[in-house]
Amino acid sequence: MSALWMIIAMFRAPPKMAVMKFVWPLCALFGSLLVVWFYYRFTRGGGHSEQPFAVSVAKGALHCGAGCALADMIAETLAHYQPGILSFFGLGWLFGEEIYATWTFDFIMAFSIGIAFQYFAIAPMRDLSVKAGITAAIKADALSLTSWQIGMYGVMAVAHFWLFKTVLGAQVDVAMPLFWFAMQLAMIAGFVTAYFPNWLLIASGVKERM
């Protein structure tokens, strides 16, 4: 419901930065009402210079998280319903367990989508060429995305190897709501681990304030 609300909000008041039309609904999928509150409290009205730096950092982290969320939804679903695809990401010849190949798939897709999101945030603001824009996007997003995925993988590892198997004694997969609840918590953990790297990136001018 929170994501649907944010989609409606994007149509009613389109953000100045076009890519944010996708960021807010995607982040609402895991951040729920907290993201909705944050959007109305700190985004509607006012420019970048009028908001606290900590808020700009949070927006930068969420911008990264949106790409990760979209990538994880796509990759996890494809891996579940088309498991043969995981052979391209190490299953059977590099990894013995499916989860590691899935995480590799997740990361590659998240990096690709994240660079695209970052490109459409940076290139228009700096009036960069395609090549320069992609280079700047990689510099701005590589550390942010990696730190986000570390937090996400950490929580999902606890859920997969301990909570699901040991505590619940169940095989939980993408088709079950419990999996996506764990993923929601994992994304929140990703935000936490990506916050300080985004602070450094924005403070140094590598990443734009949002």
N, C-alpha and C. Protein backbone atom coordinates (compact mmCIF):
# COMPACT_ATOMS: atom_id res chain seq x y z
N MET A 1 0.82 -1.21 0.00
CA MET A 1 0.00 0.00 0.00
C MET A 1 0.86 1.27 0.00
N SER A 2 1.97 1.22 0.75
CA SER A 2 2.85 2.39 0.80
C SER A 2 3.44 2.69 -0.58
N ALA A 3 3.84 1.63 -1.29
CA ALA A 3 4.40 1.81 -2.63
C ALA A 3 3.35 2.38 -3.59
N LEU A 4 2.12 1.88 -3.48
CA LEU A 4 1.04 2.40 -4.32
C LEU A 4 0.78 3.87 -4.03
N TRP A 5 0.80 4.22 -2.75
CA TRP A 5 0.61 5.61 -2.35
C TRP A 5 1.70 6.50 -2.97
N MET A 6 2.94 5.99 -2.95
CA MET A 6 4.04 6.78 -3.50
C MET A 6 3.94 6.91 -5.02
N ILE A 7 3.43 5.89 -5.69
CA ILE A 7 3.23 5.98 -7.14
C ILE A 7 2.24 7.09 -7.46
N ILE A 8 1.15 7.13 -6.69
CA ILE A 8 0.15 8.18 -6.88
C ILE A 8 0.76 9.56 -6.61
N ALA A 9 1.58 9.63 -5.54
CA ALA A 9 2.23 10.90 -5.19
C ALA A 9 3.17 11.37 -6.30
N MET A 10 3.82 10.43 -6.97
CA MET A 10 4.74 10.79 -8.06
C MET A 10 3.98 11.40 -9.25
N PHE A 11 2.77 10.91 -9.49
CA PHE A 11 1.96 11.46 -10.58
C PHE A 11 1.41 12.83 -10.20
N ARG A 12 1.05 12.99 -8.93
CA ARG A 12 0.48 14.26 -8.49
C ARG A 12 1.52 15.37 -8.41
N ALA A 13 2.70 15.02 -7.97
CA ALA A 13 3.77 16.02 -7.82
C ALA A 13 5.09 15.41 -8.27
N PRO A 14 5.33 15.36 -9.58
CA PRO A 14 6.56 14.74 -10.10
C PRO A 14 7.81 15.42 -9.54
N PRO A 15 8.77 14.65 -9.06
CA PRO A 15 10.01 15.25 -8.53
C PRO A 15 10.84 15.88 -9.65
N LYS A 16 11.65 16.86 -9.29
CA LYS A 16 12.49 17.55 -10.28
C LYS A 16 13.48 16.59 -10.92
N MET A 17 14.02 15.68 -10.13
CA MET A 17 14.95 14.68 -10.64
C MET A 17 14.13 13.47 -11.09
N ALA A 18 14.05 13.24 -12.39
CA ALA A 18 13.13 12.25 -12.95
C ALA A 18 13.31 10.86 -12.37
N VAL A 19 14.54 10.46 -12.11
CA VAL A 19 14.79 9.10 -11.62
C VAL A 19 14.14 8.86 -10.26
N MET A 20 13.91 9.93 -9.50
CA MET A 20 13.30 9.78 -8.17
C MET A 20 11.85 9.32 -8.26
N LYS A 21 11.23 9.44 -9.43
CA LYS A 21 9.88 8.92 -9.61
C LYS A 21 9.85 7.41 -9.41
N PHE A 22 10.97 6.77 -9.65
CA PHE A 22 11.07 5.33 -9.45
C PHE A 22 11.62 5.00 -8.07
N VAL A 23 12.49 5.87 -7.56
CA VAL A 23 13.15 5.62 -6.28
C VAL A 23 12.17 5.54 -5.12
N TRP A 24 11.28 6.53 -5.02
CA TRP A 24 10.39 6.58 -3.87
C TRP A 24 9.44 5.38 -3.79
N PRO A 25 8.75 4.99 -4.85
CA PRO A 25 7.89 3.80 -4.76
C PRO A 25 8.67 2.52 -4.46
N LEU A 26 9.85 2.38 -5.07
CA LEU A 26 10.66 1.18 -4.83
C LEU A 26 11.11 1.11 -3.37
N CYS A 27 11.51 2.24 -2.82
CA CYS A 27 11.94 2.26 -1.42
C CYS A 27 10.78 2.03 -0.46
N ALA A 28 9.59 2.45 -0.87
CA ALA A 28 8.41 2.23 -0.03
C ALA A 28 8.07 0.75 0.09
N LEU A 29 8.55 -0.06 -0.85
CA LEU A 29 8.31 -1.51 -0.77
C LEU A 29 8.94 -2.11 0.47
N PHE A 30 10.09 -1.58 0.88
CA PHE A 30 10.72 -2.12 2.09
C PHE A 30 10.65 -1.15 3.27
N GLY A 31 10.62 0.15 2.98
CA GLY A 31 10.58 1.13 4.06
C GLY A 31 9.20 1.47 4.54
N SER A 32 8.19 1.08 3.77
CA SER A 32 6.78 1.23 4.14
C SER A 32 6.44 2.66 4.57
N LEU A 33 5.72 2.79 5.66
CA LEU A 33 5.22 4.09 6.10
C LEU A 33 6.34 5.06 6.48
N LEU A 34 7.49 4.52 6.88
CA LEU A 34 8.62 5.38 7.24
C LEU A 34 9.12 6.15 6.02
N VAL A 35 9.15 5.50 4.87
CA VAL A 35 9.57 6.17 3.64
C VAL A 35 8.53 7.21 3.22
N VAL A 36 7.25 6.87 3.36
CA VAL A 36 6.19 7.82 3.03
C VAL A 36 6.31 9.06 3.91
N TRP A 37 6.50 8.84 5.21
CA TRP A 37 6.67 9.97 6.13
C TRP A 37 7.89 10.79 5.75
N PHE A 38 9.00 10.14 5.48
CA PHE A 38 10.24 10.84 5.13
C PHE A 38 10.06 11.69 3.88
N TYR A 39 9.37 11.15 2.90
CA TYR A 39 9.12 11.87 1.65
C TYR A 39 8.33 13.15 1.90
N TYR A 40 7.24 13.05 2.64
CA TYR A 40 6.40 14.23 2.88
C TYR A 40 7.07 15.21 3.84
N ARG A 41 7.89 14.71 4.74
CA ARG A 41 8.53 15.58 5.72
C ARG A 41 9.70 16.36 5.12
N PHE A 42 10.47 15.72 4.25
CA PHE A 42 11.71 16.33 3.80
C PHE A 42 11.83 16.59 2.30
N THR A 43 10.88 16.13 1.50
CA THR A 43 11.03 16.26 0.05
C THR A 43 10.04 17.22 -0.56
N ARG A 44 8.81 17.22 -0.11
CA ARG A 44 7.81 18.11 -0.71
C ARG A 44 8.11 19.54 -0.32
N GLY A 45 8.60 20.32 -1.28
CA GLY A 45 8.94 21.72 -1.00
C GLY A 45 10.35 21.84 -0.47
N GLY A 46 10.98 22.95 -0.75
CA GLY A 46 12.33 23.19 -0.25
C GLY A 46 13.40 22.63 -1.17
N GLY A 47 14.53 23.30 -1.24
CA GLY A 47 15.63 22.86 -2.09
C GLY A 47 16.65 22.08 -1.31
N HIS A 48 17.70 21.65 -2.01
CA HIS A 48 18.75 20.87 -1.37
C HIS A 48 19.45 21.65 -0.27
N SER A 49 19.66 22.95 -0.51
CA SER A 49 20.40 23.76 0.45
C SER A 49 19.61 24.02 1.72
N GLU A 50 18.30 23.81 1.67
CA GLU A 50 17.46 24.11 2.82
C GLU A 50 17.28 22.91 3.75
N GLN A 51 17.73 21.74 3.34
CA GLN A 51 17.53 20.55 4.16
C GLN A 51 18.83 20.17 4.86
N PRO A 52 18.75 19.52 6.02
CA PRO A 52 19.95 19.09 6.72
C PRO A 52 20.78 18.14 5.86
N PHE A 53 22.09 18.19 6.06
CA PHE A 53 22.97 17.32 5.28
C PHE A 53 22.64 15.86 5.52
N ALA A 54 22.27 15.52 6.75
CA ALA A 54 21.94 14.13 7.07
C ALA A 54 20.76 13.63 6.25
N VAL A 55 19.83 14.53 5.93
CA VAL A 55 18.68 14.16 5.10
C VAL A 55 19.13 13.88 3.67
N SER A 56 20.03 14.71 3.16
CA SER A 56 20.57 14.48 1.82
C SER A 56 21.28 13.14 1.73
N VAL A 57 21.98 12.79 2.80
CA VAL A 57 22.66 11.49 2.84
C VAL A 57 21.65 10.35 2.81
N ALA A 58 20.59 10.50 3.58
CA ALA A 58 19.54 9.47 3.60
C ALA A 58 18.93 9.30 2.21
N LYS A 59 18.70 10.42 1.52
CA LYS A 59 18.14 10.35 0.17
C LYS A 59 19.12 9.66 -0.78
N GLY A 60 20.40 9.96 -0.62
CA GLY A 60 21.41 9.32 -1.45
C GLY A 60 21.45 7.82 -1.23
N ALA A 61 21.33 7.41 0.03
CA ALA A 61 21.32 5.98 0.34
C ALA A 61 20.06 5.31 -0.21
N LEU A 62 18.93 5.99 -0.11
CA LEU A 62 17.68 5.43 -0.65
C LEU A 62 17.74 5.32 -2.17
N HIS A 63 18.38 6.29 -2.80
CA HIS A 63 18.54 6.24 -4.26
C HIS A 63 19.29 4.97 -4.65
N CYS A 64 20.32 4.65 -3.89
CA CYS A 64 21.07 3.41 -4.11
C CYS A 64 20.19 2.20 -3.82
N GLY A 65 19.45 2.27 -2.71
CA GLY A 65 18.61 1.15 -2.29
C GLY A 65 17.51 0.81 -3.27
N ALA A 66 17.02 1.81 -3.98
CA ALA A 66 15.96 1.55 -4.96
C ALA A 66 16.46 0.62 -6.06
N GLY A 67 17.67 0.88 -6.54
CA GLY A 67 18.25 0.00 -7.55
C GLY A 67 18.48 -1.40 -7.02
N CYS A 68 18.94 -1.48 -5.77
CA CYS A 68 19.16 -2.79 -5.15
C CYS A 68 17.85 -3.54 -4.99
N ALA A 69 16.81 -2.84 -4.56
CA ALA A 69 15.51 -3.47 -4.36
C ALA A 69 14.96 -4.03 -5.67
N LEU A 70 15.02 -3.22 -6.72
CA LEU A 70 14.52 -3.66 -8.02
C LEU A 70 15.32 -4.86 -8.52
N ALA A 71 16.63 -4.79 -8.40
CA ALA A 71 17.49 -5.88 -8.86
C ALA A 71 17.23 -7.16 -8.08
N ASP A 72 17.08 -7.05 -6.77
CA ASP A 72 16.86 -8.24 -5.96
C ASP A 72 15.52 -8.89 -6.26
N MET A 73 14.50 -8.08 -6.49
CA MET A 73 13.20 -8.65 -6.85
C MET A 73 13.28 -9.41 -8.17
N ILE A 74 13.95 -8.82 -9.14
CA ILE A 74 14.06 -9.47 -10.45
C ILE A 74 14.93 -10.72 -10.36
N ALA A 75 16.12 -10.57 -9.76
CA ALA A 75 17.08 -11.68 -9.72
C ALA A 75 16.56 -12.85 -8.88
N GLU A 76 16.02 -12.56 -7.71
CA GLU A 76 15.52 -13.64 -6.85
C GLU A 76 14.36 -14.39 -7.51
N THR A 77 13.49 -13.67 -8.18
CA THR A 77 12.35 -14.30 -8.84
C THR A 77 12.80 -15.15 -10.02
N LEU A 78 13.70 -14.61 -10.84
CA LEU A 78 14.23 -15.37 -11.97
C LEU A 78 14.97 -16.62 -11.50
N ALA A 79 15.77 -16.47 -10.44
CA ALA A 79 16.53 -17.61 -9.93
C ALA A 79 15.62 -18.72 -9.41
N HIS A 80 14.48 -18.32 -8.87
CA HIS A 80 13.54 -19.32 -8.33
C HIS A 80 12.79 -20.05 -9.43
N TYR A 81 12.29 -19.30 -10.40
CA TYR A 81 11.45 -19.91 -11.43
C TYR A 81 12.24 -20.38 -12.66
N GLN A 82 13.45 -19.88 -12.83
CA GLN A 82 14.33 -20.32 -13.92
C GLN A 82 15.71 -20.62 -13.33
N PRO A 83 15.81 -21.65 -12.48
CA PRO A 83 17.07 -21.90 -11.76
C PRO A 83 18.27 -22.19 -12.65
N GLY A 84 18.03 -22.61 -13.88
CA GLY A 84 19.14 -22.88 -14.79
C GLY A 84 20.01 -21.68 -15.04
N ILE A 85 19.44 -20.49 -14.88
CA ILE A 85 20.20 -19.26 -15.12
C ILE A 85 21.37 -19.11 -14.15
N LEU A 86 21.27 -19.77 -12.98
CA LEU A 86 22.30 -19.64 -11.96
C LEU A 86 23.61 -20.29 -12.36
N SER A 87 23.58 -21.17 -13.36
CA SER A 87 24.83 -21.78 -13.83
C SER A 87 25.76 -20.73 -14.42
N PHE A 88 25.19 -19.64 -14.92
CA PHE A 88 26.00 -18.54 -15.45
C PHE A 88 26.66 -17.73 -14.33
N PHE A 89 26.18 -17.91 -13.10
CA PHE A 89 26.68 -17.13 -11.98
C PHE A 89 27.38 -18.00 -10.93
N GLY A 90 27.85 -19.16 -11.38
CA GLY A 90 28.73 -19.97 -10.53
C GLY A 90 28.16 -21.25 -9.96
N LEU A 91 26.87 -21.48 -10.07
CA LEU A 91 26.29 -22.69 -9.48
C LEU A 91 26.80 -23.93 -10.20
N GLY A 92 27.39 -24.83 -9.41
CA GLY A 92 27.88 -26.09 -9.97
C GLY A 92 29.35 -26.10 -10.32
N TRP A 93 29.92 -24.94 -10.61
CA TRP A 93 31.34 -24.89 -10.95
C TRP A 93 32.14 -23.94 -10.06
N LEU A 94 31.45 -23.09 -9.33
CA LEU A 94 32.12 -22.21 -8.37
C LEU A 94 31.49 -22.31 -6.99
N PHE A 95 30.17 -22.41 -6.95
CA PHE A 95 29.44 -22.51 -5.69
C PHE A 95 28.69 -23.83 -5.59
N GLY A 96 28.72 -24.40 -4.39
CA GLY A 96 27.96 -25.63 -4.15
C GLY A 96 26.53 -25.37 -3.75
N GLU A 97 26.29 -24.16 -3.19
CA GLU A 97 24.94 -23.82 -2.74
C GLU A 97 24.33 -22.76 -3.65
N GLU A 98 23.04 -22.92 -3.89
CA GLU A 98 22.32 -22.03 -4.80
C GLU A 98 22.34 -20.58 -4.33
N ILE A 99 22.31 -20.38 -3.02
CA ILE A 99 22.18 -19.02 -2.49
C ILE A 99 23.35 -18.13 -2.90
N TYR A 100 24.56 -18.70 -2.98
CA TYR A 100 25.72 -17.89 -3.34
C TYR A 100 25.68 -17.46 -4.81
N ALA A 101 25.23 -18.35 -5.67
CA ALA A 101 25.07 -17.98 -7.08
C ALA A 101 23.98 -16.93 -7.24
N THR A 102 22.91 -17.07 -6.44
CA THR A 102 21.83 -16.08 -6.48
C THR A 102 22.32 -14.72 -6.03
N TRP A 103 23.12 -14.70 -4.98
CA TRP A 103 23.67 -13.43 -4.50
C TRP A 103 24.59 -12.80 -5.54
N THR A 104 25.35 -13.62 -6.26
CA THR A 104 26.20 -13.10 -7.33
C THR A 104 25.34 -12.46 -8.43
N PHE A 105 24.28 -13.15 -8.79
CA PHE A 105 23.32 -12.63 -9.77
C PHE A 105 22.71 -11.33 -9.26
N ASP A 106 22.32 -11.32 -7.98
CA ASP A 106 21.77 -10.12 -7.35
C ASP A 106 22.72 -8.93 -7.51
N PHE A 107 23.99 -9.19 -7.17
CA PHE A 107 24.96 -8.10 -7.14
C PHE A 107 25.20 -7.53 -8.53
N ILE A 108 25.36 -8.41 -9.51
CA ILE A 108 25.62 -7.94 -10.88
C ILE A 108 24.43 -7.13 -11.40
N MET A 109 23.23 -7.62 -11.13
CA MET A 109 22.05 -6.89 -11.59
C MET A 109 21.89 -5.57 -10.83
N ALA A 110 22.13 -5.61 -9.51
CA ALA A 110 22.02 -4.40 -8.71
C ALA A 110 23.04 -3.35 -9.16
N PHE A 111 24.24 -3.80 -9.48
CA PHE A 111 25.27 -2.87 -9.93
C PHE A 111 24.87 -2.23 -11.26
N SER A 112 24.34 -3.03 -12.16
CA SER A 112 23.93 -2.53 -13.48
C SER A 112 22.79 -1.51 -13.35
N ILE A 113 21.77 -1.87 -12.57
CA ILE A 113 20.63 -0.96 -12.39
C ILE A 113 21.06 0.27 -11.61
N GLY A 114 21.91 0.06 -10.59
CA GLY A 114 22.38 1.18 -9.78
C GLY A 114 23.15 2.20 -10.60
N ILE A 115 24.00 1.73 -11.50
CA ILE A 115 24.75 2.64 -12.36
C ILE A 115 23.80 3.42 -13.27
N ALA A 116 22.79 2.73 -13.78
CA ALA A 116 21.80 3.40 -14.64
C ALA A 116 21.06 4.49 -13.86
N PHE A 117 20.62 4.15 -12.63
CA PHE A 117 19.93 5.13 -11.80
C PHE A 117 20.84 6.32 -11.51
N GLN A 118 22.10 6.02 -11.18
CA GLN A 118 23.04 7.08 -10.83
C GLN A 118 23.37 7.94 -12.05
N TYR A 119 23.47 7.32 -13.21
CA TYR A 119 23.74 8.07 -14.44
C TYR A 119 22.66 9.11 -14.69
N PHE A 120 21.40 8.69 -14.55
CA PHE A 120 20.30 9.62 -14.83
C PHE A 120 20.12 10.66 -13.72
N ALA A 121 20.83 10.47 -12.60
CA ALA A 121 20.83 11.50 -11.56
C ALA A 121 21.97 12.50 -11.79
N ILE A 122 23.14 11.98 -12.18
CA ILE A 122 24.33 12.82 -12.29
C ILE A 122 24.46 13.52 -13.64
N ALA A 123 24.30 12.76 -14.72
CA ALA A 123 24.56 13.30 -16.06
C ALA A 123 23.76 14.57 -16.37
N PRO A 124 22.44 14.60 -16.09
CA PRO A 124 21.69 15.83 -16.38
C PRO A 124 22.12 17.02 -15.52
N MET A 125 22.48 16.75 -14.25
CA MET A 125 22.86 17.83 -13.35
C MET A 125 24.21 18.44 -13.73
N ARG A 126 25.12 17.59 -14.23
CA ARG A 126 26.46 18.07 -14.57
C ARG A 126 26.65 18.30 -16.07
N ASP A 127 25.61 18.01 -16.84
CA ASP A 127 25.66 18.15 -18.30
C ASP A 127 26.84 17.36 -18.88
N LEU A 128 26.89 16.07 -18.55
CA LEU A 128 28.00 15.22 -18.96
C LEU A 128 27.68 14.43 -20.22
N SER A 129 28.72 14.05 -20.94
CA SER A 129 28.56 13.14 -22.07
C SER A 129 28.21 11.75 -21.53
N VAL A 130 27.83 10.86 -22.42
CA VAL A 130 27.46 9.51 -21.99
C VAL A 130 28.64 8.82 -21.29
N LYS A 131 29.82 8.87 -21.90
CA LYS A 131 30.99 8.22 -21.32
C LYS A 131 31.35 8.82 -19.97
N ALA A 132 31.40 10.14 -19.90
CA ALA A 132 31.73 10.82 -18.64
C ALA A 132 30.66 10.57 -17.59
N GLY A 133 29.41 10.51 -18.02
CA GLY A 133 28.32 10.25 -17.09
C GLY A 133 28.39 8.86 -16.50
N ILE A 134 28.71 7.88 -17.32
CA ILE A 134 28.83 6.50 -16.83
C ILE A 134 30.00 6.38 -15.86
N THR A 135 31.12 7.02 -16.20
CA THR A 135 32.28 6.99 -15.31
C THR A 135 31.96 7.62 -13.96
N ALA A 136 31.30 8.76 -13.99
CA ALA A 136 30.91 9.44 -12.75
C ALA A 136 29.92 8.60 -11.96
N ALA A 137 29.01 7.92 -12.65
CA ALA A 137 28.02 7.08 -11.99
C ALA A 137 28.67 5.90 -11.28
N ILE A 138 29.67 5.30 -11.92
CA ILE A 138 30.39 4.18 -11.30
C ILE A 138 31.11 4.65 -10.05
N LYS A 139 31.78 5.80 -10.13
CA LYS A 139 32.49 6.35 -8.97
C LYS A 139 31.52 6.63 -7.82
N ALA A 140 30.34 7.13 -8.16
CA ALA A 140 29.38 7.52 -7.13
C ALA A 140 28.65 6.33 -6.53
N ASP A 141 28.50 5.25 -7.29
CA ASP A 141 27.62 4.17 -6.82
C ASP A 141 28.33 2.91 -6.38
N ALA A 142 29.57 2.68 -6.79
CA ALA A 142 30.24 1.41 -6.49
C ALA A 142 30.32 1.16 -4.98
N LEU A 143 30.83 2.13 -4.23
CA LEU A 143 30.97 1.97 -2.79
C LEU A 143 29.61 1.92 -2.11
N SER A 144 28.71 2.80 -2.53
CA SER A 144 27.38 2.86 -1.93
C SER A 144 26.64 1.54 -2.11
N LEU A 145 26.64 1.03 -3.34
CA LEU A 145 25.92 -0.21 -3.62
C LEU A 145 26.54 -1.40 -2.91
N THR A 146 27.86 -1.46 -2.90
CA THR A 146 28.53 -2.58 -2.23
C THR A 146 28.22 -2.59 -0.75
N SER A 147 28.26 -1.42 -0.12
CA SER A 147 27.96 -1.35 1.31
C SER A 147 26.51 -1.71 1.60
N TRP A 148 25.60 -1.33 0.70
CA TRP A 148 24.19 -1.70 0.87
C TRP A 148 24.02 -3.21 0.78
N GLN A 149 24.63 -3.82 -0.23
CA GLN A 149 24.50 -5.26 -0.42
C GLN A 149 25.11 -6.05 0.73
N ILE A 150 26.16 -5.53 1.35
CA ILE A 150 26.76 -6.19 2.50
C ILE A 150 25.74 -6.30 3.64
N GLY A 151 25.05 -5.21 3.91
CA GLY A 151 24.02 -5.25 4.95
C GLY A 151 22.89 -6.19 4.60
N MET A 152 22.47 -6.15 3.33
CA MET A 152 21.38 -7.02 2.88
C MET A 152 21.78 -8.49 2.97
N TYR A 153 22.98 -8.81 2.47
CA TYR A 153 23.43 -10.20 2.51
C TYR A 153 23.58 -10.70 3.94
N GLY A 154 24.04 -9.83 4.83
CA GLY A 154 24.22 -10.24 6.22
C GLY A 154 22.93 -10.71 6.85
N VAL A 155 21.88 -9.92 6.69
CA VAL A 155 20.58 -10.28 7.28
C VAL A 155 20.00 -11.51 6.59
N MET A 156 20.11 -11.58 5.27
CA MET A 156 19.58 -12.74 4.56
C MET A 156 20.35 -14.01 4.90
N ALA A 157 21.64 -13.89 5.19
CA ALA A 157 22.42 -15.05 5.61
C ALA A 157 21.93 -15.57 6.95
N VAL A 158 21.68 -14.66 7.88
CA VAL A 158 21.14 -15.06 9.19
C VAL A 158 19.78 -15.73 9.01
N ALA A 159 18.94 -15.14 8.16
CA ALA A 159 17.61 -15.70 7.92
C ALA A 159 17.70 -17.07 7.27
N HIS A 160 18.53 -17.20 6.25
CA HIS A 160 18.61 -18.45 5.48
C HIS A 160 19.27 -19.58 6.27
N PHE A 161 20.42 -19.29 6.88
CA PHE A 161 21.19 -20.36 7.51
C PHE A 161 20.79 -20.64 8.95
N TRP A 162 20.16 -19.67 9.60
CA TRP A 162 19.79 -19.89 11.00
C TRP A 162 18.28 -19.85 11.23
N LEU A 163 17.64 -18.74 10.92
CA LEU A 163 16.22 -18.60 11.24
C LEU A 163 15.35 -19.62 10.50
N PHE A 164 15.49 -19.68 9.19
CA PHE A 164 14.64 -20.57 8.40
C PHE A 164 14.95 -22.04 8.68
N LYS A 165 16.24 -22.40 8.64
CA LYS A 165 16.62 -23.81 8.76
C LYS A 165 16.63 -24.31 10.19
N THR A 166 17.27 -23.56 11.08
CA THR A 166 17.47 -24.04 12.45
C THR A 166 16.27 -23.76 13.35
N VAL A 167 15.80 -22.54 13.34
CA VAL A 167 14.71 -22.15 14.25
C VAL A 167 13.36 -22.66 13.74
N LEU A 168 13.06 -22.38 12.48
CA LEU A 168 11.76 -22.76 11.93
C LEU A 168 11.75 -24.16 11.33
N GLY A 169 12.92 -24.65 10.97
CA GLY A 169 13.01 -25.98 10.36
C GLY A 169 12.24 -26.06 9.06
N ALA A 170 12.29 -24.99 8.28
CA ALA A 170 11.51 -24.93 7.04
C ALA A 170 12.38 -24.47 5.88
N GLN A 171 11.98 -24.88 4.69
CA GLN A 171 12.62 -24.42 3.46
C GLN A 171 11.82 -23.24 2.94
N VAL A 172 12.33 -22.05 3.14
CA VAL A 172 11.62 -20.83 2.76
C VAL A 172 12.19 -20.32 1.43
N ASP A 173 11.29 -20.03 0.50
CA ASP A 173 11.76 -19.54 -0.80
C ASP A 173 10.97 -18.32 -1.24
N VAL A 174 11.27 -17.86 -2.45
CA VAL A 174 10.70 -16.63 -3.00
C VAL A 174 9.18 -16.65 -3.07
N ALA A 175 8.59 -17.81 -3.18
CA ALA A 175 7.14 -17.91 -3.32
C ALA A 175 6.40 -17.71 -1.99
N MET A 176 7.15 -17.55 -0.89
CA MET A 176 6.54 -17.43 0.43
C MET A 176 6.67 -16.01 0.97
N PRO A 177 5.62 -15.50 1.62
CA PRO A 177 5.67 -14.15 2.19
C PRO A 177 6.79 -13.96 3.20
N LEU A 178 7.13 -15.02 3.94
CA LEU A 178 8.18 -14.91 4.95
C LEU A 178 9.52 -14.52 4.33
N PHE A 179 9.78 -15.02 3.13
CA PHE A 179 11.02 -14.66 2.44
C PHE A 179 11.08 -13.16 2.20
N TRP A 180 9.99 -12.59 1.74
CA TRP A 180 9.97 -11.17 1.40
C TRP A 180 9.95 -10.29 2.65
N PHE A 181 9.42 -10.84 3.76
CA PHE A 181 9.51 -10.10 5.02
C PHE A 181 10.97 -10.02 5.46
N ALA A 182 11.69 -11.15 5.32
CA ALA A 182 13.11 -11.15 5.66
C ALA A 182 13.88 -10.21 4.74
N MET A 183 13.51 -10.20 3.47
CA MET A 183 14.16 -9.30 2.51
C MET A 183 13.90 -7.84 2.86
N GLN A 184 12.71 -7.56 3.36
CA GLN A 184 12.38 -6.20 3.78
C GLN A 184 13.31 -5.75 4.91
N LEU A 185 13.52 -6.62 5.89
CA LEU A 185 14.44 -6.31 6.98
C LEU A 185 15.87 -6.19 6.46
N ALA A 186 16.22 -7.03 5.49
CA ALA A 186 17.56 -7.00 4.92
C ALA A 186 17.82 -5.67 4.21
N MET A 187 16.80 -5.14 3.54
CA MET A 187 16.95 -3.86 2.85
C MET A 187 17.14 -2.72 3.85
N ILE A 188 16.45 -2.80 4.96
CA ILE A 188 16.63 -1.79 6.00
C ILE A 188 18.06 -1.85 6.54
N ALA A 189 18.57 -3.07 6.72
CA ALA A 189 19.96 -3.23 7.15
C ALA A 189 20.90 -2.65 6.10
N GLY A 190 20.55 -2.83 4.82
CA GLY A 190 21.36 -2.27 3.75
C GLY A 190 21.42 -0.75 3.83
N PHE A 191 20.30 -0.13 4.16
CA PHE A 191 20.28 1.32 4.32
C PHE A 191 21.24 1.75 5.43
N VAL A 192 21.23 1.01 6.53
CA VAL A 192 22.10 1.35 7.67
C VAL A 192 23.57 1.25 7.27
N THR A 193 23.95 0.16 6.60
CA THR A 193 25.36 -0.02 6.25
C THR A 193 25.80 0.91 5.11
N ALA A 194 24.86 1.41 4.33
CA ALA A 194 25.21 2.31 3.22
C ALA A 194 25.20 3.77 3.63
N TYR A 195 24.69 4.08 4.81
CA TYR A 195 24.51 5.48 5.19
C TYR A 195 25.84 6.23 5.30
N PHE A 196 26.78 5.69 6.07
CA PHE A 196 28.06 6.40 6.25
C PHE A 196 28.86 6.49 4.95
N PRO A 197 28.94 5.42 4.13
CA PRO A 197 29.61 5.58 2.84
C PRO A 197 28.99 6.67 1.97
N ASN A 198 27.66 6.80 2.01
CA ASN A 198 27.01 7.87 1.25
C ASN A 198 27.36 9.24 1.83
N TRP A 199 27.51 9.32 3.13
CA TRP A 199 27.93 10.57 3.77
C TRP A 199 29.29 11.00 3.20
N LEU A 200 30.23 10.05 3.14
CA LEU A 200 31.56 10.35 2.62
C LEU A 200 31.51 10.73 1.14
N LEU A 201 30.72 10.00 0.36
CA LEU A 201 30.64 10.27 -1.08
C LEU A 201 30.05 11.64 -1.37
N ILE A 202 29.01 12.00 -0.65
CA ILE A 202 28.36 13.30 -0.88
C ILE A 202 29.22 14.44 -0.34
N ALA A 203 29.83 14.24 0.83
CA ALA A 203 30.68 15.28 1.41
C ALA A 203 31.89 15.58 0.53
N SER A 204 32.39 14.56 -0.15
CA SER A 204 33.57 14.74 -1.01
C SER A 204 33.20 15.23 -2.41
N GLY A 205 31.90 15.30 -2.72
CA GLY A 205 31.45 15.78 -4.02
C GLY A 205 31.40 14.72 -5.10
N VAL A 206 31.72 13.48 -4.74
CA VAL A 206 31.66 12.39 -5.72
C VAL A 206 30.22 12.10 -6.11
N LYS A 207 29.34 12.20 -5.12
CA LYS A 207 27.91 11.94 -5.34
C LYS A 207 27.13 13.22 -5.11
N GLU A 208 26.12 13.44 -5.91
CA GLU A 208 25.31 14.66 -5.81
C GLU A 208 24.35 14.61 -4.63
N ARG A 209 24.10 15.78 -4.04
CA ARG A 209 23.04 15.88 -3.03
C ARG A 209 21.69 15.76 -3.72
N MET A 210 20.76 15.12 -3.04
CA MET A 210 19.43 14.89 -3.63
C MET A 210 18.34 15.49 -2.76
